[in-house]
PDB file of N, CA and C in Angstrom:
ATOM      1  N   MET A   1     -65.027  78.650 -57.868  1.00  0.00           N
ATOM      2  CA  MET A   1     -63.445  78.917 -58.315  1.00  0.00           C
ATOM      3  C   MET A   1     -63.197  79.871 -57.338  1.00  0.00           C
ATOM      4  N   PHE A   2     -62.058  79.534 -56.750  1.00  0.00           N
ATOM      5  CA  PHE A   2     -61.415  81.367 -56.103  1.00  0.00           C
ATOM      6  C   PHE A   2     -60.559  81.783 -56.222  1.00  0.00           C
ATOM      7  N   TYR A   3     -59.848  82.561 -55.881  1.00  0.00           N
ATOM      8  CA  TYR A   3     -59.339  83.243 -56.787  1.00  0.00           C
ATOM      9  C   TYR A   3     -57.860  83.897 -55.132  1.00  0.00           C
ATOM     10  N   VAL A   4     -56.543  83.902 -55.817  1.00  0.00           N
ATOM     11  CA  VAL A   4     -55.581  84.159 -54.359  1.00  0.00           C
ATOM     12  C   VAL A   4     -55.080  85.913 -55.566  1.00  0.00           C
ATOM     13  N   TYR A   5     -55.234  86.575 -54.592  1.00  0.00           N
ATOM     14  CA  TYR A   5     -54.745  88.050 -54.734  1.00  0.00           C
ATOM     15  C   TYR A   5     -53.651  88.006 -54.190  1.00  0.00           C
ATOM     16  N   ILE A   6     -52.936  89.608 -54.445  1.00  0.00           N
ATOM     17  CA  ILE A   6     -51.472  89.973 -53.161  1.00  0.00           C
ATOM     18  C   ILE A   6     -52.337  91.702 -53.582  1.00  0.00           C
ATOM     19  N   ILE A   7     -52.729  92.826 -52.570  1.00  0.00           N
ATOM     20  CA  ILE A   7     -52.443  93.660 -52.349  1.00  0.00           C
ATOM     21  C   ILE A   7     -50.983  94.576 -51.618  1.00  0.00           C
ATOM     22  N   TYR A   8     -50.720  95.343 -51.901  1.00  0.00           N
ATOM     23  CA  TYR A   8     -49.584  96.015 -51.954  1.00  0.00           C
ATOM     24  C   TYR A   8     -49.705  97.556 -50.957  1.00  0.00           C
ATOM     25  N   SER A   9     -49.322  98.145 -50.182  1.00  0.00           N
ATOM     26  CA  SER A   9     -49.984  99.561 -49.906  1.00  0.00           C
ATOM     27  C   SER A   9     -48.048 100.230 -49.843  1.00  0.00           C
ATOM     28  N   LYS A  10     -48.050 100.865 -50.281  1.00  0.00           N
ATOM     29  CA  LYS A  10     -46.542 102.024 -50.575  1.00  0.00           C
ATOM     30  C   LYS A  10     -46.407 102.773 -49.059  1.00  0.00           C
ATOM     31  N   SER A  11     -47.404 102.904 -48.572  1.00  0.00           N
ATOM     32  CA  SER A  11     -47.079 103.715 -47.574  1.00  0.00           C
ATOM     33  C   SER A  11     -46.826 103.213 -45.980  1.00  0.00           C
ATOM     34  N   ILE A  12     -47.001 101.675 -46.146  1.00  0.00           N
ATOM     35  CA  ILE A  12     -46.342 100.593 -44.963  1.00  0.00           C
ATOM     36  C   ILE A  12     -45.623  99.844 -45.265  1.00  0.00           C
ATOM     37  N   ASP A  13     -45.332  99.861 -47.110  1.00  0.00           N
ATOM     38  CA  ASP A  13     -44.326  98.963 -46.972  1.00  0.00           C
ATOM     39  C   ASP A  13     -44.834  97.438 -47.165  1.00  0.00           C
ATOM     40  N   GLN A  14     -46.438  97.472 -46.819  1.00  0.00           N
ATOM     41  CA  GLN A  14     -46.656  95.866 -46.385  1.00  0.00           C
ATOM     42  C   GLN A  14     -47.304  95.056 -47.656  1.00  0.00           C
ATOM     43  N   TYR A  15     -47.088  93.653 -48.361  1.00  0.00           N
ATOM     44  CA  TYR A  15     -48.326  92.918 -48.579  1.00  0.00           C
ATOM     45  C   TYR A  15     -49.286  92.425 -48.296  1.00  0.00           C
ATOM     46  N   TYR A  16     -50.197  91.932 -48.630  1.00  0.00           N
ATOM     47  CA  TYR A  16     -51.351  90.769 -47.885  1.00  0.00           C
ATOM     48  C   TYR A  16     -51.985  90.115 -49.337  1.00  0.00           C
ATOM     49  N   ILE A  17     -51.713  88.621 -48.626  1.00  0.00           N
ATOM     50  CA  ILE A  17     -51.822  87.610 -49.714  1.00  0.00           C
ATOM     51  C   ILE A  17     -53.147  87.230 -49.058  1.00  0.00           C
ATOM     52  N   GLY A  18     -54.450  87.001 -49.895  1.00  0.00           N
ATOM     53  CA  GLY A  18     -55.162  86.627 -49.221  1.00  0.00           C
ATOM     54  C   GLY A  18     -56.168  85.252 -50.569  1.00  0.00           C
ATOM     55  N   SER A  19     -57.135  84.939 -50.067  1.00  0.00           N
ATOM     56  CA  SER A  19     -58.076  84.135 -50.755  1.00  0.00           C
ATOM     57  C   SER A  19     -59.680  84.545 -50.662  1.00  0.00           C
ATOM     58  N   THR A  20     -60.256  84.213 -51.784  1.00  0.00           N
ATOM     59  CA  THR A  20     -61.378  84.360 -51.823  1.00  0.00           C
ATOM     60  C   THR A  20     -62.629  84.119 -52.707  1.00  0.00           C
ATOM     61  N   ALA A  21     -63.839  83.557 -52.886  1.00  0.00           N
ATOM     62  CA  ALA A  21     -64.350  83.393 -53.900  1.00  0.00           C
ATOM     63  C   ALA A  21     -64.956  84.589 -55.003  1.00  0.00           C
ATOM     64  N   ASN A  22     -64.916  85.899 -53.833  1.00  0.00           N
ATOM     65  CA  ASN A  22     -65.747  87.122 -55.254  1.00  0.00           C
ATOM     66  C   ASN A  22     -64.449  87.998 -54.866  1.00  0.00           C
ATOM     67  N   LEU A  23     -63.554  88.127 -55.655  1.00  0.00           N
ATOM     68  CA  LEU A  23     -62.616  89.073 -55.920  1.00  0.00           C
ATOM     69  C   LEU A  23     -63.361  90.250 -55.771  1.00  0.00           C
ATOM     70  N   ILE A  24     -63.766  91.008 -56.406  1.00  0.00           N
ATOM     71  CA  ILE A  24     -64.692  92.429 -57.101  1.00  0.00           C
ATOM     72  C   ILE A  24     -65.286  92.249 -55.048  1.00  0.00           C
ATOM     73  N   ASP A  25     -65.952  91.648 -54.727  1.00  0.00           N
ATOM     74  CA  ASP A  25     -66.611  92.148 -52.954  1.00  0.00           C
ATOM     75  C   ASP A  25     -65.596  92.159 -52.314  1.00  0.00           C
ATOM     76  N   ARG A  26     -64.523  91.754 -52.372  1.00  0.00           N
ATOM     77  CA  ARG A  26     -63.442  91.143 -51.292  1.00  0.00           C
ATOM     78  C   ARG A  26     -62.313  92.422 -51.494  1.00  0.00           C
ATOM     79  N   LEU A  27     -62.382  93.126 -52.460  1.00  0.00           N
ATOM     80  CA  LEU A  27     -61.281  94.475 -52.545  1.00  0.00           C
ATOM     81  C   LEU A  27     -62.080  95.530 -52.203  1.00  0.00           C
ATOM     82  N   TYR A  28     -63.575  95.510 -53.048  1.00  0.00           N
ATOM     83  CA  TYR A  28     -64.042  96.223 -52.044  1.00  0.00           C
ATOM     84  C   TYR A  28     -64.040  96.210 -50.420  1.00  0.00           C
ATOM     85  N   ARG A  29     -64.919  95.716 -49.990  1.00  0.00           N
ATOM     86  CA  ARG A  29     -64.522  95.807 -48.391  1.00  0.00           C
ATOM     87  C   ARG A  29     -63.399  96.030 -47.467  1.00  0.00           C
ATOM     88  N   THR A  30     -62.166  95.244 -48.795  1.00  0.00           N
ATOM     89  CA  THR A  30     -60.427  95.898 -47.803  1.00  0.00           C
ATOM     90  C   THR A  30     -60.808  97.219 -48.520  1.00  0.00           C
ATOM     91  N   TYR A  31     -60.469  98.020 -49.472  1.00  0.00           N
ATOM     92  CA  TYR A  31     -60.542  99.588 -49.797  1.00  0.00           C
ATOM     93  C   TYR A  31     -61.911  99.908 -49.169  1.00  0.00           C
ATOM     94  N   ASN A  32     -62.617  99.867 -48.986  1.00  0.00           N
ATOM     95  CA  ASN A  32     -63.711 100.720 -48.234  1.00  0.00           C
ATOM     96  C   ASN A  32     -64.310 100.071 -46.145  1.00  0.00           C
ATOM     97  N   SER A  33     -63.856  99.095 -46.394  1.00  0.00           N
ATOM     98  CA  SER A  33     -64.184  98.445 -44.589  1.00  0.00           C
ATOM     99  C   SER A  33     -63.036  98.266 -44.178  1.00  0.00           C
ATOM    100  N   GLY A  34     -62.892  96.858 -44.592  1.00  0.00           N
ATOM    101  CA  GLY A  34     -61.844  96.200 -44.373  1.00  0.00           C
ATOM    102  C   GLY A  34     -62.000  95.307 -42.702  1.00  0.00           C
ATOM    103  N   SER A  35     -60.525  94.702 -42.639  1.00  0.00           N
ATOM    104  CA  SER A  35     -60.088  94.642 -41.237  1.00  0.00           C
ATOM    105  C   SER A  35     -59.824  95.666 -40.798  1.00  0.00           C
ATOM    106  N   LYS A  36     -59.608  95.945 -39.087  1.00  0.00           N
ATOM    107  CA  LYS A  36     -58.947  96.485 -38.759  1.00  0.00           C
ATOM    108  C   LYS A  36     -57.357  97.176 -38.826  1.00  0.00           C
ATOM    109  N   GLY A  37     -57.121  95.889 -39.352  1.00  0.00           N
ATOM    110  CA  GLY A  37     -55.802  96.243 -39.836  1.00  0.00           C
ATOM    111  C   GLY A  37     -55.120  96.914 -40.850  1.00  0.00           C
ATOM    112  N   ARG A  38     -55.988  96.361 -41.608  1.00  0.00           N
ATOM    113  CA  ARG A  38     -55.724  97.295 -42.978  1.00  0.00           C
ATOM    114  C   ARG A  38     -56.928  98.217 -43.306  1.00  0.00           C
ATOM    115  N   LYS A  39     -58.196  98.515 -42.654  1.00  0.00           N
ATOM    116  CA  LYS A  39     -58.959  99.989 -42.586  1.00  0.00           C
ATOM    117  C   LYS A  39     -57.969 100.968 -42.648  1.00  0.00           C
ATOM    118  N   LYS A  40     -56.949 101.658 -41.794  1.00  0.00           N
ATOM    119  CA  LYS A  40     -56.511 102.499 -41.383  1.00  0.00           C
ATOM    120  C   LYS A  40     -55.726 103.132 -42.542  1.00  0.00           C
ATOM    121  N   VAL A  41     -55.368 102.132 -43.407  1.00  0.00           N
ATOM    122  CA  VAL A  41     -54.325 101.975 -45.103  1.00  0.00           C
ATOM    123  C   VAL A  41     -55.145 102.355 -45.722  1.00  0.00           C
ATOM    124  N   LYS A  42     -55.191 103.359 -46.674  1.00  0.00           N
ATOM    125  CA  LYS A  42     -56.073 103.589 -47.685  1.00  0.00           C
ATOM    126  C   LYS A  42     -55.551 103.543 -49.211  1.00  0.00           C
ATOM    127  N   ASP A  43     -54.461 103.270 -49.191  1.00  0.00           N
ATOM    128  CA  ASP A  43     -53.426 103.037 -49.986  1.00  0.00           C
ATOM    129  C   ASP A  43     -53.157 101.706 -51.245  1.00  0.00           C
ATOM    130  N   TRP A  44     -54.424 100.978 -50.902  1.00  0.00           N
ATOM    131  CA  TRP A  44     -53.933  99.017 -51.062  1.00  0.00           C
ATOM    132  C   TRP A  44     -53.662  99.268 -52.693  1.00  0.00           C
ATOM    133  N   GLU A  45     -53.411  98.586 -53.039  1.00  0.00           N
ATOM    134  CA  GLU A  45     -53.218  98.416 -54.671  1.00  0.00           C
ATOM    135  C   GLU A  45     -52.785  97.082 -54.819  1.00  0.00           C
ATOM    136  N   LEU A  46     -53.539  96.484 -55.803  1.00  0.00           N
ATOM    137  CA  LEU A  46     -54.169  94.922 -56.565  1.00  0.00           C
ATOM    138  C   LEU A  46     -52.406  94.742 -57.323  1.00  0.00           C
ATOM    139  N   LEU A  47     -51.960  93.562 -56.735  1.00  0.00           N
ATOM    140  CA  LEU A  47     -50.746  93.120 -57.333  1.00  0.00           C
ATOM    141  C   LEU A  47     -50.805  92.303 -58.384  1.00  0.00           C
ATOM    142  N   TYR A  48     -51.540  91.471 -57.703  1.00  0.00           N
ATOM    143  CA  TYR A  48     -51.459  89.972 -58.367  1.00  0.00           C
ATOM    144  C   TYR A  48     -52.929  89.643 -58.243  1.00  0.00           C
ATOM    145  N   SER A  49     -53.583  88.662 -58.936  1.00  0.00           N
ATOM    146  CA  SER A  49     -54.626  87.859 -58.677  1.00  0.00           C
ATOM    147  C   SER A  49     -55.255  86.708 -59.881  1.00  0.00           C
ATOM    148  N   LYS A  50     -55.187  85.648 -59.182  1.00  0.00           N
ATOM    149  CA  LYS A  50     -55.320  84.763 -60.895  1.00  0.00           C
ATOM    150  C   LYS A  50     -56.205  83.676 -59.687  1.00  0.00           C
TER     151      LYS A  50
END
């Protein structure tokens, strides 16, 4: 099973849409390590997952 998710950063007014098989692990990596583009932003908020 795969999840589609949308996260949002208010500080840069940007949405990110992704998909993953392990949503909890993916969000953990986004909030704690993430990619270079998402790492510098600390206020990502999960808006949607299905």
